[in-house]
Amino acid sequence: MERDVRVRKCQSLVRTLAPLHPLRASCHVAQPSLPRPMSLKQNRHAGSAAELLLQQGVRWLEGEPYYLATSNEIEVFAKCHERGLPVMLKGPTGCGKTRFIEHMAWRLGRPIVTIACHDDLSASDLTGRFLIEGEDTVWVDGPLTVAARHGAICYLDEVVEARQDTIVVIHPLTDDRRILPIEKTGELLHAAPGFQLVISYNPGYQHAVKDLKPSTRQRFVTLDFDFPSPSAEVEIVVHESGVKRSTAQALVELARRVRRLKEQGLAEGPGTRLLVSTGRLIADGIPPVQACQSAFVGPLTDDPDLLSAIADLVAATL
């Protein structure tokens, strides 16, 4: 490539960033210092840098995301982060995988980069690409490169949805090498301290053409997630939606009954996220049956027989 092609990396952003806040006192994991974005009110020149970081999916979580632990997943994840081990979160839709990783990013005091995986996700979408800017051709890091370069937690949501030829890009970052080869620029990027790769995976509706290869699966420490116990799920619904405890108990009981319909063809049982959405509508004055129809029943299936069965359960429970 011609020498007049300028390669601009996100390292230039560091000069416009302010120091990282202290590590959360509740988690005793040594962390390197890391710049964090300044407020746009603090520095007018930081505007473009902050916008670029946001476009690349970098987020700092200011407030604590509510998460109710069901086992020792917090301690295990913290040790994995300390050792730089990649983690795979396995569990059904809506059981709290994304909330957990957001909670851990806050607890560990790290920025988080979230990538929603899909069929059209390419290696360039992860690592970066050359773009035309005026009369120049410039390099812009992709979200995976940004996370590795700045020591962020990189979360690939529903990784099984991505193509296999895209997933292999992450392999060198998941072993002792901790490197990201960027073929288009010739750079061999060594992941900064604090970088951690996390993927989520729903084994409930996998099939042969959408499954993780053993060469990928065996690179990750696995944390298994499931729906919380009824008492814990009630606490979550009350906290997140603001409904009365009696209403939350009825919603959790409804979900428990509907989850049994998986044996009758329901593709995926209702997650806690659906209960929270339903509870929020009820808390805002929507009648419970109507709220359930819109936020609980409708998203689950289009099958007439299953819809009828779930409607009967709603009528019997609420």
C-alpha atoms as a PDB file:
ATOM      1  CA  MET A   1       0.000   0.000   0.000  1.00  0.00           C
ATOM      2  CA  GLU A   2       1.285   3.490  -0.827  1.00  0.00           C
ATOM      3  CA  ARG A   3       3.241   5.308   1.855  1.00  0.00           C
ATOM      4  CA  ASP A   4       0.901   8.313   1.778  1.00  0.00           C
ATOM      5  CA  VAL A   5      -1.853   6.103   3.221  1.00  0.00           C
ATOM      6  CA  ARG A   6      -2.193   7.174   6.821  1.00  0.00           C
ATOM      7  CA  VAL A   7      -3.053   4.581   9.408  1.00  0.00           C
ATOM      8  CA  ARG A   8      -5.048   6.095  12.238  1.00  0.00           C
ATOM      9  CA  LYS A   9      -5.524   3.896  15.254  1.00  0.00           C
ATOM     10  CA  CYS A  10      -7.595   4.473  18.321  1.00  0.00           C
ATOM     11  CA  GLN A  11      -4.412   5.030  20.343  1.00  0.00           C
ATOM     12  CA  SER A  12      -4.746   8.651  19.353  1.00  0.00           C
ATOM     13  CA  LEU A  13      -7.864   8.789  21.469  1.00  0.00           C
ATOM     14  CA  VAL A  14      -5.863   8.261  24.642  1.00  0.00           C
ATOM     15  CA  ARG A  15      -4.610  11.840  24.559  1.00  0.00           C
ATOM     16  CA  THR A  16      -8.182  13.085  24.934  1.00  0.00           C
ATOM     17  CA  LEU A  17      -9.175  10.779  27.753  1.00  0.00           C
ATOM     18  CA  ALA A  18      -9.126  11.252  31.513  1.00  0.00           C
ATOM     19  CA  PRO A  19      -7.958   8.789  34.215  1.00  0.00           C
ATOM     20  CA  LEU A  20      -9.950   5.755  35.249  1.00  0.00           C
ATOM     21  CA  HIS A  21     -11.966   5.844  38.433  1.00  0.00           C
ATOM     22  CA  PRO A  22     -10.675   3.608  41.262  1.00  0.00           C
ATOM     23  CA  LEU A  23     -11.413  -0.101  41.254  1.00  0.00           C
ATOM     24  CA  ARG A  24     -14.619  -1.059  43.007  1.00  0.00           C
ATOM     25  CA  ALA A  25     -13.808  -1.840  46.626  1.00  0.00           C
ATOM     26  CA  SER A  26     -16.036  -4.919  46.561  1.00  0.00           C
ATOM     27  CA  CYS A  27     -13.797  -6.808  44.123  1.00  0.00           C
ATOM     28  CA  HIS A  28     -10.169  -7.503  44.987  1.00  0.00           C
ATOM     29  CA  VAL A  29      -8.717  -7.910  41.516  1.00  0.00           C
ATOM     30  CA  ALA A  30      -5.618  -5.942  40.579  1.00  0.00           C
ATOM     31  CA  GLN A  31      -6.217  -3.856  37.450  1.00  0.00           C
ATOM     32  CA  PRO A  32      -3.995  -1.703  35.276  1.00  0.00           C
ATOM     33  CA  SER A  33      -4.752   1.967  34.886  1.00  0.00           C
ATOM     34  CA  LEU A  34      -6.903   2.760  31.888  1.00  0.00           C
ATOM     35  CA  PRO A  35      -8.030   6.074  30.431  1.00  0.00           C
ATOM     36  CA  ARG A  36     -11.731   6.778  30.374  1.00  0.00           C
ATOM     37  CA  PRO A  37     -13.654   9.257  28.243  1.00  0.00           C
ATOM     38  CA  MET A  38     -13.943  12.822  29.451  1.00  0.00           C
ATOM     39  CA  SER A  39     -17.294  14.522  29.573  1.00  0.00           C
ATOM     40  CA  LEU A  40     -18.028  16.524  26.448  1.00  0.00           C
ATOM     41  CA  LYS A  41     -18.616  19.481  28.781  1.00  0.00           C
ATOM     42  CA  GLN A  42     -15.072  19.092  30.127  1.00  0.00           C
ATOM     43  CA  ASN A  43     -13.322  19.178  26.775  1.00  0.00           C
ATOM     44  CA  ARG A  44     -14.829  20.323  23.502  1.00  0.00           C
ATOM     45  CA  HIS A  45     -12.066  18.552  21.590  1.00  0.00           C
ATOM     46  CA  ALA A  46     -13.018  15.253  23.231  1.00  0.00           C
ATOM     47  CA  GLY A  47     -16.323  15.263  21.378  1.00  0.00           C
ATOM     48  CA  SER A  48     -15.146  13.445  18.267  1.00  0.00           C
ATOM     49  CA  ALA A  49     -13.155  10.941  20.318  1.00  0.00           C
ATOM     50  CA  ALA A  50     -16.081  10.202  22.601  1.00  0.00           C
ATOM     51  CA  GLU A  51     -18.395   9.823  19.634  1.00  0.00           C
ATOM     52  CA  LEU A  52     -15.977   7.400  17.986  1.00  0.00           C
ATOM     53  CA  LEU A  53     -15.745   5.349  21.150  1.00  0.00           C
ATOM     54  CA  LEU A  54     -19.530   5.189  21.363  1.00  0.00           C
ATOM     55  CA  GLN A  55     -19.789   4.210  17.701  1.00  0.00           C
ATOM     56  CA  GLN A  56     -17.377   1.381  18.369  1.00  0.00           C
ATOM     57  CA  GLY A  57     -19.534   0.190  21.262  1.00  0.00           C
ATOM     58  CA  VAL A  58     -17.303   1.236  24.184  1.00  0.00           C
ATOM     59  CA  ARG A  59     -19.366   1.887  27.297  1.00  0.00           C
ATOM     60  CA  TRP A  60     -18.556   2.855  30.857  1.00  0.00           C
ATOM     61  CA  LEU A  61     -21.236   1.815  33.345  1.00  0.00           C
ATOM     62  CA  GLU A  62     -21.647   4.617  35.857  1.00  0.00           C
ATOM     63  CA  GLY A  63     -24.346   3.034  38.013  1.00  0.00           C
ATOM     64  CA  GLU A  64     -24.391  -0.524  39.328  1.00  0.00           C
ATOM     65  CA  PRO A  65     -26.481  -2.803  37.080  1.00  0.00           C
ATOM     66  CA  TYR A  66     -28.751  -4.791  39.359  1.00  0.00           C
ATOM     67  CA  TYR A  67     -27.838  -8.469  39.426  1.00  0.00           C
ATOM     68  CA  LEU A  68     -28.878 -11.147  41.899  1.00  0.00           C
ATOM     69  CA  ALA A  69     -26.299 -13.932  42.062  1.00  0.00           C
ATOM     70  CA  THR A  70     -27.600 -17.501  42.021  1.00  0.00           C
ATOM     71  CA  SER A  71     -24.314 -19.293  42.738  1.00  0.00           C
ATOM     72  CA  ASN A  72     -20.613 -18.387  42.809  1.00  0.00           C
ATOM     73  CA  GLU A  73     -20.550 -16.982  39.263  1.00  0.00           C
ATOM     74  CA  ILE A  74     -19.288 -13.575  40.433  1.00  0.00           C
ATOM     75  CA  GLU A  75     -16.248 -15.055  42.188  1.00  0.00           C
ATOM     76  CA  VAL A  76     -15.432 -17.406  39.306  1.00  0.00           C
ATOM     77  CA  PHE A  77     -15.680 -14.634  36.719  1.00  0.00           C
ATOM     78  CA  ALA A  78     -13.492 -12.317  38.811  1.00  0.00           C
ATOM     79  CA  LYS A  79     -10.775 -14.981  38.989  1.00  0.00           C
ATOM     80  CA  CYS A  80     -11.029 -15.551  35.242  1.00  0.00           C
ATOM     81  CA  HIS A  81     -10.619 -11.832  34.666  1.00  0.00           C
ATOM     82  CA  GLU A  82      -7.606 -11.722  36.962  1.00  0.00           C
ATOM     83  CA  ARG A  83      -5.995 -14.515  34.943  1.00  0.00           C
ATOM     84  CA  GLY A  84      -7.102 -13.175  31.554  1.00  0.00           C
ATOM     85  CA  LEU A  85      -9.163 -16.290  30.843  1.00  0.00           C
ATOM     86  CA  PRO A  86     -11.953 -16.044  28.242  1.00  0.00           C
ATOM     87  CA  VAL A  87     -15.438 -16.934  29.484  1.00  0.00           C
ATOM     88  CA  MET A  88     -18.498 -18.451  27.803  1.00  0.00           C
ATOM     89  CA  LEU A  89     -21.928 -17.773  29.306  1.00  0.00           C
ATOM     90  CA  LYS A  90     -24.385 -20.543  28.470  1.00  0.00           C
ATOM     91  CA  GLY A  91     -28.093 -20.320  29.135  1.00  0.00           C
ATOM     92  CA  PRO A  92     -31.594 -19.675  27.776  1.00  0.00           C
ATOM     93  CA  THR A  93     -32.876 -16.376  26.453  1.00  0.00           C
ATOM     94  CA  GLY A  94     -33.650 -13.781  29.102  1.00  0.00           C
ATOM     95  CA  CYS A  95     -32.001 -15.555  32.041  1.00  0.00           C
ATOM     96  CA  GLY A  96     -29.597 -12.709  32.882  1.00  0.00           C
ATOM     97  CA  LYS A  97     -26.409 -13.375  30.880  1.00  0.00           C
ATOM     98  CA  THR A  98     -26.111  -9.848  29.506  1.00  0.00           C
ATOM     99  CA  ARG A  99     -27.024  -8.254  32.820  1.00  0.00           C
ATOM    100  CA  PHE A 100     -24.390 -10.395  34.529  1.00  0.00           C
ATOM    101  CA  ILE A 101     -21.589  -9.266  32.235  1.00  0.00           C
ATOM    102  CA  GLU A 102     -22.648  -5.626  32.624  1.00  0.00           C
ATOM    103  CA  HIS A 103     -22.637  -6.060  36.395  1.00  0.00           C
ATOM    104  CA  MET A 104     -19.154  -7.581  36.280  1.00  0.00           C
ATOM    105  CA  ALA A 105     -17.838  -4.789  34.060  1.00  0.00           C
ATOM    106  CA  TRP A 106     -19.079  -2.308  36.657  1.00  0.00           C
ATOM    107  CA  ARG A 107     -17.739  -4.363  39.561  1.00  0.00           C
ATOM    108  CA  LEU A 108     -14.304  -4.696  37.975  1.00  0.00           C
ATOM    109  CA  GLY A 109     -14.213  -1.081  36.860  1.00  0.00           C
ATOM    110  CA  ARG A 110     -13.698  -1.928  33.191  1.00  0.00           C
ATOM    111  CA  PRO A 111     -15.242  -0.537  30.007  1.00  0.00           C
ATOM    112  CA  ILE A 112     -17.304  -2.991  28.006  1.00  0.00           C
ATOM    113  CA  VAL A 113     -17.615  -3.450  24.251  1.00  0.00           C
ATOM    114  CA  THR A 114     -20.731  -5.377  23.196  1.00  0.00           C
ATOM    115  CA  ILE A 115     -20.971  -6.966  19.752  1.00  0.00           C
ATOM    116  CA  ALA A 116     -24.289  -8.430  18.588  1.00  0.00           C
ATOM    117  CA  CYS A 117     -23.376 -11.395  16.395  1.00  0.00           C
ATOM    118  CA  HIS A 118     -25.315 -12.151  13.210  1.00  0.00           C
ATOM    119  CA  ASP A 119     -24.986 -13.966   9.892  1.00  0.00           C
ATOM    120  CA  ASP A 120     -23.473 -10.986   8.069  1.00  0.00           C
ATOM    121  CA  LEU A 121     -20.822 -10.227  10.701  1.00  0.00           C
ATOM    122  CA  SER A 122     -17.438 -10.260   8.973  1.00  0.00           C
ATOM    123  CA  ALA A 123     -13.893 -10.330  10.273  1.00  0.00           C
ATOM    124  CA  SER A 124     -13.514  -6.695   9.163  1.00  0.00           C
ATOM    125  CA  ASP A 125     -16.530  -5.751  11.272  1.00  0.00           C
ATOM    126  CA  LEU A 126     -14.568  -7.010  14.286  1.00  0.00           C
ATOM    127  CA  THR A 127     -11.020  -5.908  13.520  1.00  0.00           C
ATOM    128  CA  GLY A 128     -11.504  -2.723  11.463  1.00  0.00           C
ATOM    129  CA  ARG A 129     -11.236  -1.414   7.922  1.00  0.00           C
ATOM    130  CA  PHE A 130      -9.819   1.342   5.749  1.00  0.00           C
ATOM    131  CA  LEU A 131     -12.200   4.219   5.063  1.00  0.00           C
ATOM    132  CA  ILE A 132     -12.064   7.225   2.762  1.00  0.00           C
ATOM    133  CA  GLU A 133     -11.877  10.516   4.637  1.00  0.00           C
ATOM    134  CA  GLY A 134     -11.567  13.514   2.355  1.00  0.00           C
ATOM    135  CA  GLU A 135      -8.520  12.874   0.186  1.00  0.00           C
ATOM    136  CA  ASP A 136      -7.027  10.362   2.571  1.00  0.00           C
ATOM    137  CA  THR A 137      -7.491   6.683   3.269  1.00  0.00           C
ATOM    138  CA  VAL A 138      -7.530   6.073   7.008  1.00  0.00           C
ATOM    139  CA  TRP A 139      -7.695   2.986   9.181  1.00  0.00           C
ATOM    140  CA  VAL A 140     -10.416   2.754  11.817  1.00  0.00           C
ATOM    141  CA  ASP A 141     -10.256   0.044  14.473  1.00  0.00           C
ATOM    142  CA  GLY A 142     -13.202  -2.298  14.832  1.00  0.00           C
ATOM    143  CA  PRO A 143     -14.792  -2.995  18.235  1.00  0.00           C
ATOM    144  CA  LEU A 144     -12.718  -6.126  18.944  1.00  0.00           C
ATOM    145  CA  THR A 145      -9.506  -4.234  18.172  1.00  0.00           C
ATOM    146  CA  VAL A 146     -10.584  -1.296  20.326  1.00  0.00           C
ATOM    147  CA  ALA A 147     -11.280  -3.622  23.256  1.00  0.00           C
ATOM    148  CA  ALA A 148      -7.956  -5.441  22.884  1.00  0.00           C
ATOM    149  CA  ARG A 149      -6.007  -2.216  22.437  1.00  0.00           C
ATOM    150  CA  HIS A 150      -7.472  -0.492  25.501  1.00  0.00           C
ATOM    151  CA  GLY A 151      -7.966  -3.411  27.877  1.00  0.00           C
ATOM    152  CA  ALA A 152     -11.762  -3.555  27.812  1.00  0.00           C
ATOM    153  CA  ILE A 153     -14.109  -6.483  28.280  1.00  0.00           C
ATOM    154  CA  CYS A 154     -15.335  -7.572  24.838  1.00  0.00           C
ATOM    155  CA  TYR A 155     -18.722  -9.298  24.896  1.00  0.00           C
ATOM    156  CA  LEU A 156     -19.853 -11.219  21.804  1.00  0.00           C
ATOM    157  CA  ASP A 157     -23.573 -11.724  22.306  1.00  0.00           C
ATOM    158  CA  GLU A 158     -25.060 -14.918  20.783  1.00  0.00           C
ATOM    159  CA  VAL A 159     -21.752 -15.843  19.189  1.00  0.00           C
ATOM    160  CA  VAL A 160     -23.257 -18.928  17.550  1.00  0.00           C
ATOM    161  CA  GLU A 161     -25.114 -16.648  15.113  1.00  0.00           C
ATOM    162  CA  ALA A 162     -21.828 -15.510  13.540  1.00  0.00           C
ATOM    163  CA  ARG A 163     -20.162 -17.340  10.656  1.00  0.00           C
ATOM    164  CA  GLN A 164     -17.386 -19.801  11.513  1.00  0.00           C
ATOM    165  CA  ASP A 165     -14.877 -17.965   9.321  1.00  0.00           C
ATOM    166  CA  THR A 166     -15.516 -14.869  11.432  1.00  0.00           C
ATOM    167  CA  ILE A 167     -15.241 -16.625  14.789  1.00  0.00           C
ATOM    168  CA  VAL A 168     -11.735 -17.929  14.067  1.00  0.00           C
ATOM    169  CA  VAL A 169     -10.501 -14.328  14.277  1.00  0.00           C
ATOM    170  CA  ILE A 170     -10.900 -14.443  18.063  1.00  0.00           C
ATOM    171  CA  HIS A 171      -8.870 -17.638  18.541  1.00  0.00           C
ATOM    172  CA  PRO A 172      -5.426 -16.017  19.013  1.00  0.00           C
ATOM    173  CA  LEU A 173      -6.929 -13.815  21.738  1.00  0.00           C
ATOM    174  CA  THR A 174      -8.220 -16.790  23.724  1.00  0.00           C
ATOM    175  CA  ASP A 175      -4.964 -18.584  24.495  1.00  0.00           C
ATOM    176  CA  ASP A 176      -1.643 -17.649  26.051  1.00  0.00           C
ATOM    177  CA  ARG A 177      -0.672 -15.561  23.031  1.00  0.00           C
ATOM    178  CA  ARG A 178      -3.391 -12.954  23.625  1.00  0.00           C
ATOM    179  CA  ILE A 179      -2.710 -11.408  20.235  1.00  0.00           C
ATOM    180  CA  LEU A 180      -4.880 -10.084  17.424  1.00  0.00           C
ATOM    181  CA  PRO A 181      -3.287 -10.252  13.958  1.00  0.00           C
ATOM    182  CA  ILE A 182      -4.655  -7.420  11.829  1.00  0.00           C
ATOM    183  CA  GLU A 183      -3.973  -8.632   8.323  1.00  0.00           C
ATOM    184  CA  LYS A 184      -4.882  -5.439   6.470  1.00  0.00           C
ATOM    185  CA  THR A 185      -2.353  -3.299   8.345  1.00  0.00           C
ATOM    186  CA  GLY A 186       0.212  -5.952   9.174  1.00  0.00           C
ATOM    187  CA  GLU A 187      -0.068  -5.154  12.871  1.00  0.00           C
ATOM    188  CA  LEU A 188       0.270  -7.869  15.496  1.00  0.00           C
ATOM    189  CA  LEU A 189      -1.685  -6.384  18.391  1.00  0.00           C
ATOM    190  CA  HIS A 190      -0.949  -7.692  21.866  1.00  0.00           C
ATOM    191  CA  ALA A 191      -4.019  -7.379  24.079  1.00  0.00           C
ATOM    192  CA  ALA A 192      -3.611  -4.788  26.804  1.00  0.00           C
ATOM    193  CA  PRO A 193      -3.821  -5.821  30.472  1.00  0.00           C
ATOM    194  CA  GLY A 194      -7.447  -5.990  31.544  1.00  0.00           C
ATOM    195  CA  PHE A 195      -8.710  -7.230  28.189  1.00  0.00           C
ATOM    196  CA  GLN A 196     -11.086 -10.168  28.462  1.00  0.00           C
ATOM    197  CA  LEU A 197     -13.124 -11.952  25.833  1.00  0.00           C
ATOM    198  CA  VAL A 198     -16.624 -13.100  26.811  1.00  0.00           C
ATOM    199  CA  ILE A 199     -19.156 -14.854  24.598  1.00  0.00           C
ATOM    200  CA  SER A 200     -22.749 -15.860  25.227  1.00  0.00           C
ATOM    201  CA  TYR A 201     -24.340 -18.965  23.840  1.00  0.00           C
ATOM    202  CA  ASN A 202     -27.887 -20.320  23.978  1.00  0.00           C
ATOM    203  CA  PRO A 203     -27.801 -24.121  23.595  1.00  0.00           C
ATOM    204  CA  GLY A 204     -31.601 -24.338  23.685  1.00  0.00           C
ATOM    205  CA  TYR A 205     -32.208 -23.846  19.964  1.00  0.00           C
ATOM    206  CA  GLN A 206     -28.898 -24.841  18.415  1.00  0.00           C
ATOM    207  CA  HIS A 207     -28.708 -27.094  15.386  1.00  0.00           C
ATOM    208  CA  ALA A 208     -25.973 -28.639  13.312  1.00  0.00           C
ATOM    209  CA  VAL A 209     -25.246 -25.644  11.099  1.00  0.00           C
ATOM    210  CA  LYS A 210     -25.222 -23.227  14.058  1.00  0.00           C
ATOM    211  CA  ASP A 211     -23.090 -24.711  16.759  1.00  0.00           C
ATOM    212  CA  LEU A 212     -19.684 -23.887  18.149  1.00  0.00           C
ATOM    213  CA  LYS A 213     -16.811 -26.024  16.970  1.00  0.00           C
ATOM    214  CA  PRO A 214     -14.838 -27.865  19.657  1.00  0.00           C
ATOM    215  CA  SER A 215     -11.806 -25.788  18.660  1.00  0.00           C
ATOM    216  CA  THR A 216     -13.738 -22.716  19.800  1.00  0.00           C
ATOM    217  CA  ARG A 217     -15.682 -24.118  22.759  1.00  0.00           C
ATOM    218  CA  GLN A 218     -12.632 -25.557  24.486  1.00  0.00           C
ATOM    219  CA  ARG A 219     -10.906 -22.192  24.633  1.00  0.00           C
ATOM    220  CA  PHE A 220     -13.413 -20.828  27.156  1.00  0.00           C
ATOM    221  CA  VAL A 221     -14.205 -21.262  30.812  1.00  0.00           C
ATOM    222  CA  THR A 222     -17.940 -21.971  30.915  1.00  0.00           C
ATOM    223  CA  LEU A 223     -20.489 -20.496  33.307  1.00  0.00           C
ATOM    224  CA  ASP A 224     -23.895 -22.154  33.075  1.00  0.00           C
ATOM    225  CA  PHE A 225     -26.958 -19.956  33.583  1.00  0.00           C
ATOM    226  CA  ASP A 226     -30.583 -20.911  34.031  1.00  0.00           C
ATOM    227  CA  PHE A 227     -33.736 -19.195  35.176  1.00  0.00           C
ATOM    228  CA  PRO A 228     -33.491 -18.111  38.824  1.00  0.00           C
ATOM    229  CA  SER A 229     -35.261 -19.945  41.598  1.00  0.00           C
ATOM    230  CA  PRO A 230     -38.877 -18.750  42.082  1.00  0.00           C
ATOM    231  CA  SER A 231     -38.005 -16.691  45.171  1.00  0.00           C
ATOM    232  CA  ALA A 232     -35.030 -15.044  43.456  1.00  0.00           C
ATOM    233  CA  GLU A 233     -37.058 -14.384  40.312  1.00  0.00           C
ATOM    234  CA  VAL A 234     -39.756 -12.683  42.380  1.00  0.00           C
ATOM    235  CA  GLU A 235     -37.104 -10.400  43.909  1.00  0.00           C
ATOM    236  CA  ILE A 236     -35.780  -9.516  40.468  1.00  0.00           C
ATOM    237  CA  VAL A 237     -39.230  -8.729  39.049  1.00  0.00           C
ATOM    238  CA  VAL A 238     -40.138  -6.585  42.066  1.00  0.00           C
ATOM    239  CA  HIS A 239     -36.876  -4.645  41.889  1.00  0.00           C
ATOM    240  CA  GLU A 240     -36.777  -4.170  38.123  1.00  0.00           C
ATOM    241  CA  SER A 241     -40.450  -3.489  37.384  1.00  0.00           C
ATOM    242  CA  GLY A 242     -41.823  -1.901  40.540  1.00  0.00           C
ATOM    243  CA  VAL A 243     -44.902  -4.149  40.783  1.00  0.00           C
ATOM    244  CA  LYS A 244     -46.282  -5.402  44.077  1.00  0.00           C
ATOM    245  CA  ARG A 245     -44.803  -8.596  45.423  1.00  0.00           C
ATOM    246  CA  SER A 246     -48.094 -10.448  45.005  1.00  0.00           C
ATOM    247  CA  THR A 247     -48.171  -9.526  41.316  1.00  0.00           C
ATOM    248  CA  ALA A 248     -44.560 -10.574  40.870  1.00  0.00           C
ATOM    249  CA  GLN A 249     -45.323 -13.909  42.502  1.00  0.00           C
ATOM    250  CA  ALA A 250     -48.231 -14.465  40.099  1.00  0.00           C
ATOM    251  CA  LEU A 251     -46.038 -13.618  37.088  1.00  0.00           C
ATOM    252  CA  VAL A 252     -43.291 -15.981  38.224  1.00  0.00           C
ATOM    253  CA  GLU A 253     -45.814 -18.765  38.764  1.00  0.00           C
ATOM    254  CA  LEU A 254     -47.206 -18.112  35.280  1.00  0.00           C
ATOM    255  CA  ALA A 255     -43.716 -18.337  33.784  1.00  0.00           C
ATOM    256  CA  ARG A 256     -43.024 -21.570  35.660  1.00  0.00           C
ATOM    257  CA  ARG A 257     -46.181 -23.137  34.181  1.00  0.00           C
ATOM    258  CA  VAL A 258     -45.525 -21.880  30.655  1.00  0.00           C
ATOM    259  CA  ARG A 259     -41.943 -23.178  30.688  1.00  0.00           C
ATOM    260  CA  ARG A 260     -43.380 -26.683  30.956  1.00  0.00           C
ATOM    261  CA  LEU A 261     -44.899 -26.220  27.503  1.00  0.00           C
ATOM    262  CA  LYS A 262     -41.462 -26.757  25.953  1.00  0.00           C
ATOM    263  CA  GLU A 263     -42.401 -30.435  26.023  1.00  0.00           C
ATOM    264  CA  GLN A 264     -45.366 -29.556  23.784  1.00  0.00           C
ATOM    265  CA  GLY A 265     -43.403 -27.659  21.151  1.00  0.00           C
ATOM    266  CA  LEU A 266     -42.687 -24.232  22.661  1.00  0.00           C
ATOM    267  CA  ALA A 267     -39.305 -23.275  21.212  1.00  0.00           C
ATOM    268  CA  GLU A 268     -38.107 -21.276  24.216  1.00  0.00           C
ATOM    269  CA  GLY A 269     -39.673 -20.701  27.617  1.00  0.00           C
ATOM    270  CA  PRO A 270     -40.327 -17.166  28.863  1.00  0.00           C
ATOM    271  CA  GLY A 271     -37.268 -15.493  30.305  1.00  0.00           C
ATOM    272  CA  THR A 272     -37.110 -13.260  33.343  1.00  0.00           C
ATOM    273  CA  ARG A 273     -36.761 -10.330  30.951  1.00  0.00           C
ATOM    274  CA  LEU A 274     -40.314 -10.949  29.701  1.00  0.00           C
ATOM    275  CA  LEU A 275     -41.601 -10.941  33.266  1.00  0.00           C
ATOM    276  CA  VAL A 276     -39.894  -7.621  33.941  1.00  0.00           C
ATOM    277  CA  SER A 277     -41.379  -6.073  30.786  1.00  0.00           C
ATOM    278  CA  THR A 278     -44.832  -7.348  31.722  1.00  0.00           C
ATOM    279  CA  GLY A 279     -44.429  -6.078  35.272  1.00  0.00           C
ATOM    280  CA  ARG A 280     -43.465  -2.626  34.062  1.00  0.00           C
ATOM    281  CA  LEU A 281     -46.644  -2.369  32.015  1.00  0.00           C
ATOM    282  CA  ILE A 282     -48.711  -3.461  34.990  1.00  0.00           C
ATOM    283  CA  ALA A 283     -46.916  -0.982  37.247  1.00  0.00           C
ATOM    284  CA  ASP A 284     -47.790   1.753  34.732  1.00  0.00           C
ATOM    285  CA  GLY A 285     -51.493   0.973  34.925  1.00  0.00           C
ATOM    286  CA  ILE A 286     -52.057  -1.511  32.091  1.00  0.00           C
ATOM    287  CA  PRO A 287     -54.529  -4.252  33.167  1.00  0.00           C
ATOM    288  CA  PRO A 288     -52.598  -7.453  34.024  1.00  0.00           C
ATOM    289  CA  VAL A 289     -54.272  -9.657  31.402  1.00  0.00           C
ATOM    290  CA  GLN A 290     -53.682  -7.096  28.647  1.00  0.00           C
ATOM    291  CA  ALA A 291     -50.090  -6.564  29.793  1.00  0.00           C
ATOM    292  CA  CYS A 292     -49.488 -10.317  29.684  1.00  0.00           C
ATOM    293  CA  GLN A 293     -50.975 -10.577  26.212  1.00  0.00           C
ATOM    294  CA  SER A 294     -48.733  -7.836  24.840  1.00  0.00           C
ATOM    295  CA  ALA A 295     -45.458  -8.378  26.694  1.00  0.00           C
ATOM    296  CA  PHE A 296     -45.573 -12.039  27.688  1.00  0.00           C
ATOM    297  CA  VAL A 297     -47.757 -14.162  25.405  1.00  0.00           C
ATOM    298  CA  GLY A 298     -47.195 -12.411  22.079  1.00  0.00           C
ATOM    299  CA  PRO A 299     -43.376 -12.633  22.007  1.00  0.00           C
ATOM    300  CA  LEU A 300     -43.343 -16.369  22.788  1.00  0.00           C
ATOM    301  CA  THR A 301     -45.003 -17.947  19.746  1.00  0.00           C
ATOM    302  CA  ASP A 302     -47.324 -17.583  16.754  1.00  0.00           C
ATOM    303  CA  ASP A 303     -48.675 -21.120  17.007  1.00  0.00           C
ATOM    304  CA  PRO A 304     -52.484 -20.903  17.568  1.00  0.00           C
ATOM    305  CA  ASP A 305     -52.626 -23.970  19.823  1.00  0.00           C
ATOM    306  CA  LEU A 306     -49.785 -22.778  22.023  1.00  0.00           C
ATOM    307  CA  LEU A 307     -51.228 -19.269  22.167  1.00  0.00           C
ATOM    308  CA  SER A 308     -54.535 -20.703  23.332  1.00  0.00           C
ATOM    309  CA  ALA A 309     -52.838 -22.846  25.958  1.00  0.00           C
ATOM    310  CA  ILE A 310     -50.794 -19.921  27.281  1.00  0.00           C
ATOM    311  CA  ALA A 311     -53.891 -17.678  27.354  1.00  0.00           C
ATOM    312  CA  ASP A 312     -55.652 -20.297  29.489  1.00  0.00           C
ATOM    313  CA  LEU A 313     -52.708 -20.307  31.884  1.00  0.00           C
ATOM    314  CA  VAL A 314     -52.798 -16.507  32.088  1.00  0.00           C
ATOM    315  CA  ALA A 315     -56.506 -16.573  32.938  1.00  0.00           C
ATOM    316  CA  ALA A 316     -55.975 -19.266  35.566  1.00  0.00           C
ATOM    317  CA  THR A 317     -52.981 -17.604  37.204  1.00  0.00           C
ATOM    318  CA  LEU A 318     -53.782 -13.873  37.301  1.00  0.00           C
END
